[in-house]
Amino acid sequence: MIVGISGKIAAGKSVLAQSILQSEQFEDAGEIIKFSAAQLFEIDALAHDLYADDAVRAEIYNAFGAEVFDGFAVSRPKLSHVVFSDSALLTVLEQILHPLMRRIISMKVKDARANETNLLLVAALPLSFHFDELCDRVIDIPINKETAWRRVLVRNPDFSSTAFEVIWARQACEYACSLAKKEGE
């Protein structure tokens, strides 16, 4: 079974994922679902891993320049500062990363299905990564903006409010589009 966990920034996606892995079950619509020996695949971590790929680094360099690098390595703090200050630049980064990420996720799901392995996918952008098509079940964790901001500040007191607003707006768009898609089915 492929289960997706989605939610906006600081919703508790990773906490829920760890809870499911430890308890080997979850509740969905009042039903207890057994979910043992699952593999965890955190899609944010995949994006971070891709920064080491030569082709991805070249595309990031062409799009954002040397200012987001430390030597030959992509500097996540520098890149974050650039893309989370302007939603258009975040879109550019997504255009670089998301197609490759979707291919990797699709292969991971295909492999899990072929091996009859349970897979737990965790992402903040379920529509962008086709959770509706890839997952047998999707658990969405709701969170309001104020609670999310408080949780972000607990984790990182220096987090930029501008970055938070860009991330929140991007995720809000994703969830509004996801809801509209469900209602249109």
C-alpha atoms as a PDB file:
ATOM      1  CA  MET A   1       0.000   0.000   0.000  1.00  0.00           C
ATOM      2  CA  ILE A   2       1.201   3.491  -0.822  1.00  0.00           C
ATOM      3  CA  VAL A   3       0.180   6.139   1.726  1.00  0.00           C
ATOM      4  CA  GLY A   4       0.823   9.835   1.302  1.00  0.00           C
ATOM      5  CA  ILE A   5       1.050  12.300   4.167  1.00  0.00           C
ATOM      6  CA  SER A   6       0.563  15.905   3.214  1.00  0.00           C
ATOM      7  CA  GLY A   7       0.221  19.172   5.041  1.00  0.00           C
ATOM      8  CA  LYS A   8       1.462  22.709   4.941  1.00  0.00           C
ATOM      9  CA  ILE A   9       4.632  23.925   6.611  1.00  0.00           C
ATOM     10  CA  ALA A  10       4.942  22.828  10.272  1.00  0.00           C
ATOM     11  CA  ALA A  11       1.761  20.739  10.134  1.00  0.00           C
ATOM     12  CA  GLY A  12       3.468  17.731  11.702  1.00  0.00           C
ATOM     13  CA  LYS A  13       3.962  15.513   8.652  1.00  0.00           C
ATOM     14  CA  SER A  14       7.224  13.972   9.855  1.00  0.00           C
ATOM     15  CA  VAL A  15       5.880  13.449  13.371  1.00  0.00           C
ATOM     16  CA  LEU A  16       2.853  11.581  11.995  1.00  0.00           C
ATOM     17  CA  ALA A  17       5.061   9.550   9.666  1.00  0.00           C
ATOM     18  CA  GLN A  18       7.269   8.442  12.562  1.00  0.00           C
ATOM     19  CA  SER A  19       4.193   7.572  14.619  1.00  0.00           C
ATOM     20  CA  ILE A  20       2.821   5.402  11.808  1.00  0.00           C
ATOM     21  CA  LEU A  21       6.172   3.671  11.349  1.00  0.00           C
ATOM     22  CA  GLN A  22       6.423   2.923  15.074  1.00  0.00           C
ATOM     23  CA  SER A  23       2.833   1.784  15.588  1.00  0.00           C
ATOM     24  CA  GLU A  24       2.573   0.039  12.198  1.00  0.00           C
ATOM     25  CA  GLN A  25      -0.963   1.328  11.778  1.00  0.00           C
ATOM     26  CA  PHE A  26      -2.970   4.484  11.185  1.00  0.00           C
ATOM     27  CA  GLU A  27      -6.560   5.615  11.340  1.00  0.00           C
ATOM     28  CA  ASP A  28      -8.364   6.827   8.240  1.00  0.00           C
ATOM     29  CA  ALA A  29     -12.038   7.835   8.327  1.00  0.00           C
ATOM     30  CA  GLY A  30     -12.500   5.902  11.570  1.00  0.00           C
ATOM     31  CA  GLU A  31     -10.904   2.743  10.162  1.00  0.00           C
ATOM     32  CA  ILE A  32      -7.686   1.309  11.659  1.00  0.00           C
ATOM     33  CA  ILE A  33      -5.332   0.362   8.825  1.00  0.00           C
ATOM     34  CA  LYS A  34      -2.472  -2.057   9.485  1.00  0.00           C
ATOM     35  CA  PHE A  35       0.682  -0.727   7.849  1.00  0.00           C
ATOM     36  CA  SER A  36       3.728  -2.779   8.817  1.00  0.00           C
ATOM     37  CA  ALA A  37       7.301  -2.791   7.520  1.00  0.00           C
ATOM     38  CA  ALA A  38       6.803   0.462   5.632  1.00  0.00           C
ATOM     39  CA  GLN A  39       9.557   2.421   3.947  1.00  0.00           C
ATOM     40  CA  LEU A  40       9.608   6.165   4.544  1.00  0.00           C
ATOM     41  CA  PHE A  41      10.291   8.516   1.654  1.00  0.00           C
ATOM     42  CA  GLU A  42      10.432  12.208   2.578  1.00  0.00           C
ATOM     43  CA  ILE A  43      10.170  14.248  -0.588  1.00  0.00           C
ATOM     44  CA  ASP A  44      11.778  17.392   0.911  1.00  0.00           C
ATOM     45  CA  ALA A  45      14.891  15.305   1.616  1.00  0.00           C
ATOM     46  CA  LEU A  46      14.899  14.194  -2.026  1.00  0.00           C
ATOM     47  CA  ALA A  47      15.076  17.836  -3.140  1.00  0.00           C
ATOM     48  CA  HIS A  48      18.031  18.406  -0.840  1.00  0.00           C
ATOM     49  CA  ASP A  49      19.788  15.304  -2.191  1.00  0.00           C
ATOM     50  CA  LEU A  50      19.330  16.523  -5.761  1.00  0.00           C
ATOM     51  CA  TYR A  51      21.420  19.620  -5.047  1.00  0.00           C
ATOM     52  CA  ALA A  52      24.462  17.312  -5.259  1.00  0.00           C
ATOM     53  CA  ASP A  53      23.564  16.176  -8.802  1.00  0.00           C
ATOM     54  CA  ASP A  54      25.836  17.769 -11.428  1.00  0.00           C
ATOM     55  CA  ALA A  55      23.034  18.449 -13.930  1.00  0.00           C
ATOM     56  CA  VAL A  56      20.813  19.988 -11.237  1.00  0.00           C
ATOM     57  CA  ARG A  57      23.681  22.134  -9.963  1.00  0.00           C
ATOM     58  CA  ALA A  58      24.297  23.380 -13.512  1.00  0.00           C
ATOM     59  CA  GLU A  59      20.634  24.324 -13.944  1.00  0.00           C
ATOM     60  CA  ILE A  60      20.587  26.080 -10.579  1.00  0.00           C
ATOM     61  CA  TYR A  61      23.761  27.952 -11.508  1.00  0.00           C
ATOM     62  CA  ASN A  62      22.256  29.031 -14.842  1.00  0.00           C
ATOM     63  CA  ALA A  63      19.046  30.179 -13.138  1.00  0.00           C
ATOM     64  CA  PHE A  64      20.396  31.847  -9.985  1.00  0.00           C
ATOM     65  CA  GLY A  65      24.116  32.411 -10.505  1.00  0.00           C
ATOM     66  CA  ALA A  66      27.163  31.912  -8.324  1.00  0.00           C
ATOM     67  CA  GLU A  67      25.581  33.758  -5.377  1.00  0.00           C
ATOM     68  CA  VAL A  68      23.716  30.569  -4.299  1.00  0.00           C
ATOM     69  CA  PHE A  69      26.870  28.442  -4.218  1.00  0.00           C
ATOM     70  CA  ASP A  70      29.688  27.781  -1.778  1.00  0.00           C
ATOM     71  CA  GLY A  71      32.419  26.686  -4.132  1.00  0.00           C
ATOM     72  CA  PHE A  72      30.886  23.934  -6.263  1.00  0.00           C
ATOM     73  CA  ALA A  73      28.120  23.082  -3.805  1.00  0.00           C
ATOM     74  CA  VAL A  74      24.653  24.585  -3.729  1.00  0.00           C
ATOM     75  CA  SER A  75      24.268  26.518  -0.492  1.00  0.00           C
ATOM     76  CA  ARG A  76      20.793  25.707   0.789  1.00  0.00           C
ATOM     77  CA  PRO A  77      20.697  28.785   3.039  1.00  0.00           C
ATOM     78  CA  LYS A  78      21.732  31.074   0.181  1.00  0.00           C
ATOM     79  CA  LEU A  79      19.341  29.441  -2.285  1.00  0.00           C
ATOM     80  CA  SER A  80      16.534  29.578   0.280  1.00  0.00           C
ATOM     81  CA  HIS A  81      17.167  33.265   0.857  1.00  0.00           C
ATOM     82  CA  VAL A  82      16.787  33.912  -2.884  1.00  0.00           C
ATOM     83  CA  VAL A  83      13.797  31.720  -3.716  1.00  0.00           C
ATOM     84  CA  PHE A  84      11.811  32.358  -0.551  1.00  0.00           C
ATOM     85  CA  SER A  85      11.995  36.098  -1.070  1.00  0.00           C
ATOM     86  CA  ASP A  86      10.191  35.951  -4.415  1.00  0.00           C
ATOM     87  CA  SER A  87       7.499  33.455  -5.429  1.00  0.00           C
ATOM     88  CA  ALA A  88       8.502  33.743  -9.106  1.00  0.00           C
ATOM     89  CA  LEU A  89      12.003  32.537  -8.224  1.00  0.00           C
ATOM     90  CA  LEU A  90      10.535  29.680  -6.194  1.00  0.00           C
ATOM     91  CA  THR A  91       8.628  28.672  -9.327  1.00  0.00           C
ATOM     92  CA  VAL A  92      11.904  28.655 -11.287  1.00  0.00           C
ATOM     93  CA  LEU A  93      13.477  26.308  -8.724  1.00  0.00           C
ATOM     94  CA  GLU A  94      10.400  24.063  -8.813  1.00  0.00           C
ATOM     95  CA  GLN A  95      10.661  23.896 -12.622  1.00  0.00           C
ATOM     96  CA  ILE A  96      14.210  22.624 -12.217  1.00  0.00           C
ATOM     97  CA  LEU A  97      13.576  20.107  -9.427  1.00  0.00           C
ATOM     98  CA  HIS A  98       9.996  18.865  -9.719  1.00  0.00           C
ATOM     99  CA  PRO A  99      10.163  16.958 -13.042  1.00  0.00           C
ATOM    100  CA  LEU A 100      13.137  14.927 -11.818  1.00  0.00           C
ATOM    101  CA  MET A 101      11.551  14.489  -8.396  1.00  0.00           C
ATOM    102  CA  ARG A 102       8.308  13.207  -9.968  1.00  0.00           C
ATOM    103  CA  ARG A 103      10.268  10.625 -11.982  1.00  0.00           C
ATOM    104  CA  ILE A 104      12.136   9.420  -8.900  1.00  0.00           C
ATOM    105  CA  ILE A 105       8.941   9.265  -6.809  1.00  0.00           C
ATOM    106  CA  SER A 106       7.156   7.379  -9.574  1.00  0.00           C
ATOM    107  CA  MET A 107      10.004   4.834  -9.750  1.00  0.00           C
ATOM    108  CA  LYS A 108       9.941   4.457  -5.951  1.00  0.00           C
ATOM    109  CA  VAL A 109       6.188   3.786  -6.026  1.00  0.00           C
ATOM    110  CA  LYS A 110       6.521   1.372  -8.941  1.00  0.00           C
ATOM    111  CA  ASP A 111       9.257  -0.514  -7.080  1.00  0.00           C
ATOM    112  CA  ALA A 112       7.180  -0.662  -3.869  1.00  0.00           C
ATOM    113  CA  ARG A 113       4.184  -2.022  -5.769  1.00  0.00           C
ATOM    114  CA  ALA A 114       6.314  -4.606  -7.609  1.00  0.00           C
ATOM    115  CA  ASN A 115       7.823  -5.780  -4.319  1.00  0.00           C
ATOM    116  CA  GLU A 116       4.519  -5.510  -2.413  1.00  0.00           C
ATOM    117  CA  THR A 117       6.181  -3.153   0.062  1.00  0.00           C
ATOM    118  CA  ASN A 118       4.335  -0.538   2.062  1.00  0.00           C
ATOM    119  CA  LEU A 119       5.549   2.966   1.259  1.00  0.00           C
ATOM    120  CA  LEU A 120       4.932   6.174   3.174  1.00  0.00           C
ATOM    121  CA  LEU A 121       5.397   9.326   1.068  1.00  0.00           C
ATOM    122  CA  VAL A 122       5.648  12.657   2.891  1.00  0.00           C
ATOM    123  CA  ALA A 123       5.296  15.974   1.040  1.00  0.00           C
ATOM    124  CA  ALA A 124       3.954  19.475   1.465  1.00  0.00           C
ATOM    125  CA  LEU A 125       2.846  19.623  -2.189  1.00  0.00           C
ATOM    126  CA  PRO A 126       0.623  16.587  -2.821  1.00  0.00           C
ATOM    127  CA  LEU A 127      -0.799  17.848  -6.102  1.00  0.00           C
ATOM    128  CA  SER A 128       2.601  18.692  -7.588  1.00  0.00           C
ATOM    129  CA  PHE A 129       3.787  15.178  -6.835  1.00  0.00           C
ATOM    130  CA  HIS A 130       0.584  13.442  -7.991  1.00  0.00           C
ATOM    131  CA  PHE A 131      -0.427  11.916  -4.668  1.00  0.00           C
ATOM    132  CA  ASP A 132      -3.952  11.573  -6.058  1.00  0.00           C
ATOM    133  CA  GLU A 133      -2.628   9.182  -8.714  1.00  0.00           C
ATOM    134  CA  LEU A 134       0.227   7.466  -6.874  1.00  0.00           C
ATOM    135  CA  CYS A 135      -1.196   6.880  -3.404  1.00  0.00           C
ATOM    136  CA  ASP A 136      -3.833   4.420  -2.269  1.00  0.00           C
ATOM    137  CA  ARG A 137      -4.618   6.753   0.627  1.00  0.00           C
ATOM    138  CA  VAL A 138      -3.634  10.321   1.437  1.00  0.00           C
ATOM    139  CA  ILE A 139      -3.662  11.715   4.957  1.00  0.00           C
ATOM    140  CA  ASP A 140      -3.820  15.498   4.984  1.00  0.00           C
ATOM    141  CA  ILE A 141      -2.873  17.281   8.202  1.00  0.00           C
ATOM    142  CA  PRO A 142      -4.659  20.612   8.529  1.00  0.00           C
ATOM    143  CA  ILE A 143      -2.996  23.580  10.196  1.00  0.00           C
ATOM    144  CA  ASN A 144      -3.844  27.249  10.400  1.00  0.00           C
ATOM    145  CA  LYS A 145      -1.350  29.949   9.510  1.00  0.00           C
ATOM    146  CA  GLU A 146      -0.832  31.282  13.037  1.00  0.00           C
ATOM    147  CA  THR A 147      -0.106  27.851  14.497  1.00  0.00           C
ATOM    148  CA  ALA A 148       2.257  27.067  11.629  1.00  0.00           C
ATOM    149  CA  TRP A 149       4.163  30.325  12.178  1.00  0.00           C
ATOM    150  CA  ARG A 150       4.498  29.643  15.915  1.00  0.00           C
ATOM    151  CA  ARG A 151       5.813  26.124  15.242  1.00  0.00           C
ATOM    152  CA  VAL A 152       8.278  27.399  12.649  1.00  0.00           C
ATOM    153  CA  LEU A 153       9.644  29.928  15.126  1.00  0.00           C
ATOM    154  CA  VAL A 154      10.059  27.249  17.799  1.00  0.00           C
ATOM    155  CA  ARG A 155      12.146  25.188  15.357  1.00  0.00           C
ATOM    156  CA  ASN A 156      14.042  28.170  13.959  1.00  0.00           C
ATOM    157  CA  PRO A 157      13.700  31.536  15.723  1.00  0.00           C
ATOM    158  CA  ASP A 158      15.601  33.257  12.888  1.00  0.00           C
ATOM    159  CA  PHE A 159      13.244  32.037  10.148  1.00  0.00           C
ATOM    160  CA  SER A 160      12.301  34.874   7.825  1.00  0.00           C
ATOM    161  CA  SER A 161       8.677  36.014   7.925  1.00  0.00           C
ATOM    162  CA  THR A 162       8.966  36.780   4.192  1.00  0.00           C
ATOM    163  CA  ALA A 163      10.092  33.221   3.506  1.00  0.00           C
ATOM    164  CA  PHE A 164       7.219  31.906   5.592  1.00  0.00           C
ATOM    165  CA  GLU A 165       4.730  34.027   3.615  1.00  0.00           C
ATOM    166  CA  VAL A 166       6.097  32.798   0.262  1.00  0.00           C
ATOM    167  CA  ILE A 167       5.996  29.169   1.408  1.00  0.00           C
ATOM    168  CA  TRP A 168       2.518  29.560   2.921  1.00  0.00           C
ATOM    169  CA  ALA A 169       1.153  31.194  -0.244  1.00  0.00           C
ATOM    170  CA  ARG A 170       2.648  28.455  -2.456  1.00  0.00           C
ATOM    171  CA  GLN A 171       1.213  25.710  -0.271  1.00  0.00           C
ATOM    172  CA  ALA A 172      -2.154  27.475   0.039  1.00  0.00           C
ATOM    173  CA  CYS A 173      -2.371  27.550  -3.747  1.00  0.00           C
ATOM    174  CA  GLU A 174      -1.522  23.852  -3.905  1.00  0.00           C
ATOM    175  CA  TYR A 175      -4.223  22.935  -1.404  1.00  0.00           C
ATOM    176  CA  ALA A 176      -6.843  25.169  -3.024  1.00  0.00           C
ATOM    177  CA  CYS A 177      -6.114  23.546  -6.385  1.00  0.00           C
ATOM    178  CA  SER A 178      -6.179  20.077  -4.813  1.00  0.00           C
ATOM    179  CA  LEU A 179      -9.562  20.787  -3.199  1.00  0.00           C
ATOM    180  CA  ALA A 180     -10.968  22.144  -6.473  1.00  0.00           C
ATOM    181  CA  LYS A 181      -9.724  19.024  -8.283  1.00  0.00           C
ATOM    182  CA  LYS A 182     -11.432  16.724  -5.743  1.00  0.00           C
ATOM    183  CA  GLU A 183     -14.708  18.659  -5.975  1.00  0.00           C
ATOM    184  CA  GLY A 184     -14.626  18.440  -9.785  1.00  0.00           C
ATOM    185  CA  GLU A 185     -14.285  14.630  -9.828  1.00  0.00           C
END
